[in-house]
Amino acid sequence: MPRVFVSIGSNIDREKNVLTAVHALAVDYQPLKLSSVYESTPFGFHGENFFNLVAGFDTDQDVEQVATRLADIEQTCGRVRDGKHHDSRTLDMDLLLYGDLKRHDQKIDVPRPEIAHHAFVLLPLTEIAPDLIHPESGLSFKEMWRRFADQSQKLWPVAFDFGL
């Protein structure tokens, strides 16, 4: 059974949408391992700050089923996919890792390239899976975080009650 990691982010009605995402994941995937919630400034555009976290879980669903479920949860929160990559959003859920799967096509992109480039993805992932090895780089997430070069990306932990 593969271990799956999903990033969750929102900068529109952040608390409500993050809670909706986590509770929806908790219905389908138990137990969940959740990172702290981090607040960060938007990357690539000006807007409200984001709340970001990473959730980990095991599943017997195939990768397409998991990706479809994430898209359904996003849609429940009013996510509109209009082709804009850097814009405010109600909810963004990205499948970061699906076990050791390496697949980069039109439907599935794992491991997600953002892991190595965005502090708001790498730090929460490092928090809950520090010794896990990235399937492509061969480095642990703890080592990837230690080497993370872009110190301009600021984020800080925020108190957050998931109510689980």
C-alpha atoms as a PDB file:
ATOM      1  CA  MET A   1       0.000   0.000   0.000  1.00  0.00           C
ATOM      2  CA  PRO A   2       1.641   3.262  -1.079  1.00  0.00           C
ATOM      3  CA  ARG A   3       2.226   6.179   1.260  1.00  0.00           C
ATOM      4  CA  VAL A   4       0.750   9.330  -0.285  1.00  0.00           C
ATOM      5  CA  PHE A   5       1.593  12.951   0.493  1.00  0.00           C
ATOM      6  CA  VAL A   6      -0.653  15.846  -0.505  1.00  0.00           C
ATOM      7  CA  SER A   7      -0.036  19.568  -0.199  1.00  0.00           C
ATOM      8  CA  ILE A   8      -2.978  21.734   0.818  1.00  0.00           C
ATOM      9  CA  GLY A   9      -3.052  25.489   0.318  1.00  0.00           C
ATOM     10  CA  SER A  10      -5.583  28.307   0.412  1.00  0.00           C
ATOM     11  CA  ASN A  11      -5.596  32.087   0.464  1.00  0.00           C
ATOM     12  CA  ILE A  12      -9.334  32.671   0.059  1.00  0.00           C
ATOM     13  CA  ASP A  13     -11.385  31.877   3.168  1.00  0.00           C
ATOM     14  CA  ARG A  14      -8.287  29.999   4.338  1.00  0.00           C
ATOM     15  CA  GLU A  15      -9.481  28.501   7.616  1.00  0.00           C
ATOM     16  CA  LYS A  16     -12.745  27.159   6.183  1.00  0.00           C
ATOM     17  CA  ASN A  17     -11.161  25.678   3.058  1.00  0.00           C
ATOM     18  CA  VAL A  18      -8.228  24.065   4.870  1.00  0.00           C
ATOM     19  CA  LEU A  19     -10.639  22.510   7.385  1.00  0.00           C
ATOM     20  CA  THR A  20     -12.896  21.272   4.584  1.00  0.00           C
ATOM     21  CA  ALA A  21      -9.928  19.675   2.815  1.00  0.00           C
ATOM     22  CA  VAL A  22      -8.547  17.979   5.928  1.00  0.00           C
ATOM     23  CA  HIS A  23     -11.954  16.690   7.018  1.00  0.00           C
ATOM     24  CA  ALA A  24     -12.678  15.339   3.523  1.00  0.00           C
ATOM     25  CA  LEU A  25      -9.322  13.530   3.499  1.00  0.00           C
ATOM     26  CA  ALA A  26     -10.033  12.156   6.972  1.00  0.00           C
ATOM     27  CA  VAL A  27     -13.285  10.605   5.736  1.00  0.00           C
ATOM     28  CA  ASP A  28     -11.527   8.731   2.912  1.00  0.00           C
ATOM     29  CA  TYR A  29      -8.039   8.131   4.264  1.00  0.00           C
ATOM     30  CA  GLN A  30      -7.242   7.130   7.833  1.00  0.00           C
ATOM     31  CA  PRO A  31      -5.092   7.731   9.695  1.00  0.00           C
ATOM     32  CA  LEU A  32      -3.899  11.110   8.436  1.00  0.00           C
ATOM     33  CA  LYS A  33      -0.519  12.492   9.376  1.00  0.00           C
ATOM     34  CA  LEU A  34      -0.678  16.290   9.269  1.00  0.00           C
ATOM     35  CA  SER A  35       2.091  18.853   9.341  1.00  0.00           C
ATOM     36  CA  SER A  36       1.750  22.151  11.090  1.00  0.00           C
ATOM     37  CA  VAL A  37      -0.075  24.845   9.157  1.00  0.00           C
ATOM     38  CA  TYR A  38       2.266  27.483   7.790  1.00  0.00           C
ATOM     39  CA  GLU A  39       1.403  30.957   6.628  1.00  0.00           C
ATOM     40  CA  SER A  40       3.318  32.284   3.649  1.00  0.00           C
ATOM     41  CA  THR A  41       3.252  35.166   1.244  1.00  0.00           C
ATOM     42  CA  PRO A  42       2.039  34.395  -2.291  1.00  0.00           C
ATOM     43  CA  PHE A  43       4.644  33.082  -4.733  1.00  0.00           C
ATOM     44  CA  GLY A  44       4.682  34.757  -8.154  1.00  0.00           C
ATOM     45  CA  PHE A  45       1.830  37.230  -7.584  1.00  0.00           C
ATOM     46  CA  HIS A  46       0.420  39.750  -5.102  1.00  0.00           C
ATOM     47  CA  GLY A  47      -2.502  38.686  -2.941  1.00  0.00           C
ATOM     48  CA  GLU A  48      -3.526  37.544   0.498  1.00  0.00           C
ATOM     49  CA  ASN A  49      -1.207  35.245   2.434  1.00  0.00           C
ATOM     50  CA  PHE A  50      -1.656  31.481   2.130  1.00  0.00           C
ATOM     51  CA  PHE A  51      -2.153  28.761   4.688  1.00  0.00           C
ATOM     52  CA  ASN A  52      -0.226  25.622   3.650  1.00  0.00           C
ATOM     53  CA  LEU A  53       0.288  22.159   5.074  1.00  0.00           C
ATOM     54  CA  VAL A  54       1.017  18.606   3.988  1.00  0.00           C
ATOM     55  CA  ALA A  55      -1.069  15.515   4.744  1.00  0.00           C
ATOM     56  CA  GLY A  56       0.239  11.959   4.538  1.00  0.00           C
ATOM     57  CA  PHE A  57      -1.729   8.706   4.422  1.00  0.00           C
ATOM     58  CA  ASP A  58      -1.677   5.148   3.110  1.00  0.00           C
ATOM     59  CA  THR A  59      -4.215   4.028   0.533  1.00  0.00           C
ATOM     60  CA  ASP A  60      -5.117   1.083  -1.632  1.00  0.00           C
ATOM     61  CA  GLN A  61      -6.567   3.435  -4.259  1.00  0.00           C
ATOM     62  CA  ASP A  62      -4.582   3.800  -7.462  1.00  0.00           C
ATOM     63  CA  VAL A  63      -2.922   7.104  -8.275  1.00  0.00           C
ATOM     64  CA  GLU A  64      -5.683   8.210 -10.663  1.00  0.00           C
ATOM     65  CA  GLN A  65      -8.354   7.613  -8.008  1.00  0.00           C
ATOM     66  CA  VAL A  66      -6.436   9.714  -5.484  1.00  0.00           C
ATOM     67  CA  ALA A  67      -5.906  12.524  -8.008  1.00  0.00           C
ATOM     68  CA  THR A  68      -9.616  12.485  -8.884  1.00  0.00           C
ATOM     69  CA  ARG A  69     -10.589  12.643  -5.211  1.00  0.00           C
ATOM     70  CA  LEU A  70      -8.314  15.659  -4.662  1.00  0.00           C
ATOM     71  CA  ALA A  71      -9.876  17.454  -7.637  1.00  0.00           C
ATOM     72  CA  ASP A  72     -13.353  16.688  -6.256  1.00  0.00           C
ATOM     73  CA  ILE A  73     -12.443  18.197  -2.880  1.00  0.00           C
ATOM     74  CA  GLU A  74     -11.041  21.304  -4.597  1.00  0.00           C
ATOM     75  CA  GLN A  75     -14.240  21.659  -6.609  1.00  0.00           C
ATOM     76  CA  THR A  76     -16.347  21.346  -3.431  1.00  0.00           C
ATOM     77  CA  CYS A  77     -14.480  24.410  -2.140  1.00  0.00           C
ATOM     78  CA  GLY A  78     -15.204  26.380  -5.301  1.00  0.00           C
ATOM     79  CA  ARG A  79     -11.847  25.922  -7.038  1.00  0.00           C
ATOM     80  CA  VAL A  80     -11.926  27.224 -10.581  1.00  0.00           C
ATOM     81  CA  ARG A  81      -9.200  25.985 -12.904  1.00  0.00           C
ATOM     82  CA  ASP A  82      -8.735  28.751 -15.441  1.00  0.00           C
ATOM     83  CA  GLY A  83      -5.144  28.091 -16.451  1.00  0.00           C
ATOM     84  CA  LYS A  84      -3.657  30.716 -14.128  1.00  0.00           C
ATOM     85  CA  HIS A  85      -0.853  29.095 -12.141  1.00  0.00           C
ATOM     86  CA  HIS A  86      -0.058  32.067  -9.922  1.00  0.00           C
ATOM     87  CA  ASP A  87      -3.309  33.451  -8.579  1.00  0.00           C
ATOM     88  CA  SER A  88      -5.434  33.455  -5.448  1.00  0.00           C
ATOM     89  CA  ARG A  89      -7.369  30.257  -4.848  1.00  0.00           C
ATOM     90  CA  THR A  90      -9.960  28.815  -2.540  1.00  0.00           C
ATOM     91  CA  LEU A  91      -8.134  25.511  -2.342  1.00  0.00           C
ATOM     92  CA  ASP A  92      -5.137  23.921  -4.006  1.00  0.00           C
ATOM     93  CA  MET A  93      -4.434  20.240  -3.353  1.00  0.00           C
ATOM     94  CA  ASP A  94      -1.431  18.730  -5.122  1.00  0.00           C
ATOM     95  CA  LEU A  95      -0.460  15.085  -5.094  1.00  0.00           C
ATOM     96  CA  LEU A  96       3.204  15.387  -4.089  1.00  0.00           C
ATOM     97  CA  LEU A  97       4.158  11.724  -3.777  1.00  0.00           C
ATOM     98  CA  TYR A  98       2.485   8.406  -4.422  1.00  0.00           C
ATOM     99  CA  GLY A  99       4.867   5.874  -2.935  1.00  0.00           C
ATOM    100  CA  ASP A 100       7.986   5.688  -5.087  1.00  0.00           C
ATOM    101  CA  LEU A 101       6.055   6.329  -8.301  1.00  0.00           C
ATOM    102  CA  LYS A 102       7.824   8.466 -10.900  1.00  0.00           C
ATOM    103  CA  ARG A 103       5.295   9.601 -13.474  1.00  0.00           C
ATOM    104  CA  HIS A 104       5.188  12.870 -15.376  1.00  0.00           C
ATOM    105  CA  ASP A 105       2.409  13.045 -17.959  1.00  0.00           C
ATOM    106  CA  GLN A 106      -0.754  15.067 -18.683  1.00  0.00           C
ATOM    107  CA  LYS A 107      -2.710  13.436 -15.827  1.00  0.00           C
ATOM    108  CA  ILE A 108      -0.190  12.692 -13.088  1.00  0.00           C
ATOM    109  CA  ASP A 109       2.978  14.565 -12.106  1.00  0.00           C
ATOM    110  CA  VAL A 110       4.728  12.773  -9.213  1.00  0.00           C
ATOM    111  CA  PRO A 111       6.938  13.475  -7.513  1.00  0.00           C
ATOM    112  CA  ARG A 112       5.841  17.079  -7.896  1.00  0.00           C
ATOM    113  CA  PRO A 113       8.652  19.437  -8.926  1.00  0.00           C
ATOM    114  CA  GLU A 114       7.380  21.984  -6.366  1.00  0.00           C
ATOM    115  CA  ILE A 115       8.817  19.840  -3.580  1.00  0.00           C
ATOM    116  CA  ALA A 116      12.338  21.041  -4.370  1.00  0.00           C
ATOM    117  CA  HIS A 117      11.421  24.636  -5.209  1.00  0.00           C
ATOM    118  CA  HIS A 118       8.845  25.891  -2.705  1.00  0.00           C
ATOM    119  CA  ALA A 119       9.500  26.242   1.013  1.00  0.00           C
ATOM    120  CA  PHE A 120       5.741  26.042   1.703  1.00  0.00           C
ATOM    121  CA  VAL A 121       5.801  22.499   0.304  1.00  0.00           C
ATOM    122  CA  LEU A 122       9.210  21.231   1.394  1.00  0.00           C
ATOM    123  CA  LEU A 123       9.162  22.382   5.036  1.00  0.00           C
ATOM    124  CA  PRO A 124       5.790  20.789   5.946  1.00  0.00           C
ATOM    125  CA  LEU A 125       6.789  17.613   4.083  1.00  0.00           C
ATOM    126  CA  THR A 126      10.092  17.562   5.960  1.00  0.00           C
ATOM    127  CA  GLU A 127       8.226  17.991   9.231  1.00  0.00           C
ATOM    128  CA  ILE A 128       6.166  14.803   8.794  1.00  0.00           C
ATOM    129  CA  ALA A 129       8.562  12.679   6.707  1.00  0.00           C
ATOM    130  CA  PRO A 130      12.127  13.913   7.365  1.00  0.00           C
ATOM    131  CA  ASP A 131      13.882  10.638   6.574  1.00  0.00           C
ATOM    132  CA  LEU A 132      11.793   9.670   3.548  1.00  0.00           C
ATOM    133  CA  ILE A 133      13.853   9.587   0.349  1.00  0.00           C
ATOM    134  CA  HIS A 134      12.770  11.624  -2.659  1.00  0.00           C
ATOM    135  CA  PRO A 135      12.247   9.099  -5.491  1.00  0.00           C
ATOM    136  CA  GLU A 136      14.227  11.128  -8.027  1.00  0.00           C
ATOM    137  CA  SER A 137      16.871  13.074  -6.122  1.00  0.00           C
ATOM    138  CA  GLY A 138      17.782  10.213  -3.788  1.00  0.00           C
ATOM    139  CA  LEU A 139      17.988  12.719  -0.902  1.00  0.00           C
ATOM    140  CA  SER A 140      15.959  12.655   2.290  1.00  0.00           C
ATOM    141  CA  PHE A 141      13.549  15.529   2.728  1.00  0.00           C
ATOM    142  CA  LYS A 142      15.528  16.584   5.787  1.00  0.00           C
ATOM    143  CA  GLU A 143      18.646  16.885   3.581  1.00  0.00           C
ATOM    144  CA  MET A 144      16.709  18.678   0.834  1.00  0.00           C
ATOM    145  CA  TRP A 145      15.502  21.217   3.424  1.00  0.00           C
ATOM    146  CA  ARG A 146      19.029  21.644   4.785  1.00  0.00           C
ATOM    147  CA  ARG A 147      20.223  22.447   1.241  1.00  0.00           C
ATOM    148  CA  PHE A 148      17.239  24.643   0.346  1.00  0.00           C
ATOM    149  CA  ALA A 149      18.778  27.745  -1.163  1.00  0.00           C
ATOM    150  CA  ASP A 150      15.957  30.272  -1.615  1.00  0.00           C
ATOM    151  CA  GLN A 151      15.932  32.118   1.694  1.00  0.00           C
ATOM    152  CA  SER A 152      13.607  34.782   0.239  1.00  0.00           C
ATOM    153  CA  GLN A 153      10.628  32.430   0.684  1.00  0.00           C
ATOM    154  CA  LYS A 154       9.277  33.280   4.124  1.00  0.00           C
ATOM    155  CA  LEU A 155       6.815  31.155   6.055  1.00  0.00           C
ATOM    156  CA  TRP A 156       5.894  30.765   9.681  1.00  0.00           C
ATOM    157  CA  PRO A 157       3.806  28.284  11.675  1.00  0.00           C
ATOM    158  CA  VAL A 158       0.330  29.314  12.816  1.00  0.00           C
ATOM    159  CA  ALA A 159      -1.882  27.812  15.497  1.00  0.00           C
ATOM    160  CA  PHE A 160      -4.613  25.782  13.846  1.00  0.00           C
ATOM    161  CA  ASP A 161      -7.231  23.459  15.325  1.00  0.00           C
ATOM    162  CA  PHE A 162      -8.273  20.719  12.909  1.00  0.00           C
ATOM    163  CA  GLY A 163     -10.934  19.456  15.279  1.00  0.00           C
ATOM    164  CA  LEU A 164     -10.113  15.832  14.507  1.00  0.00           C
END
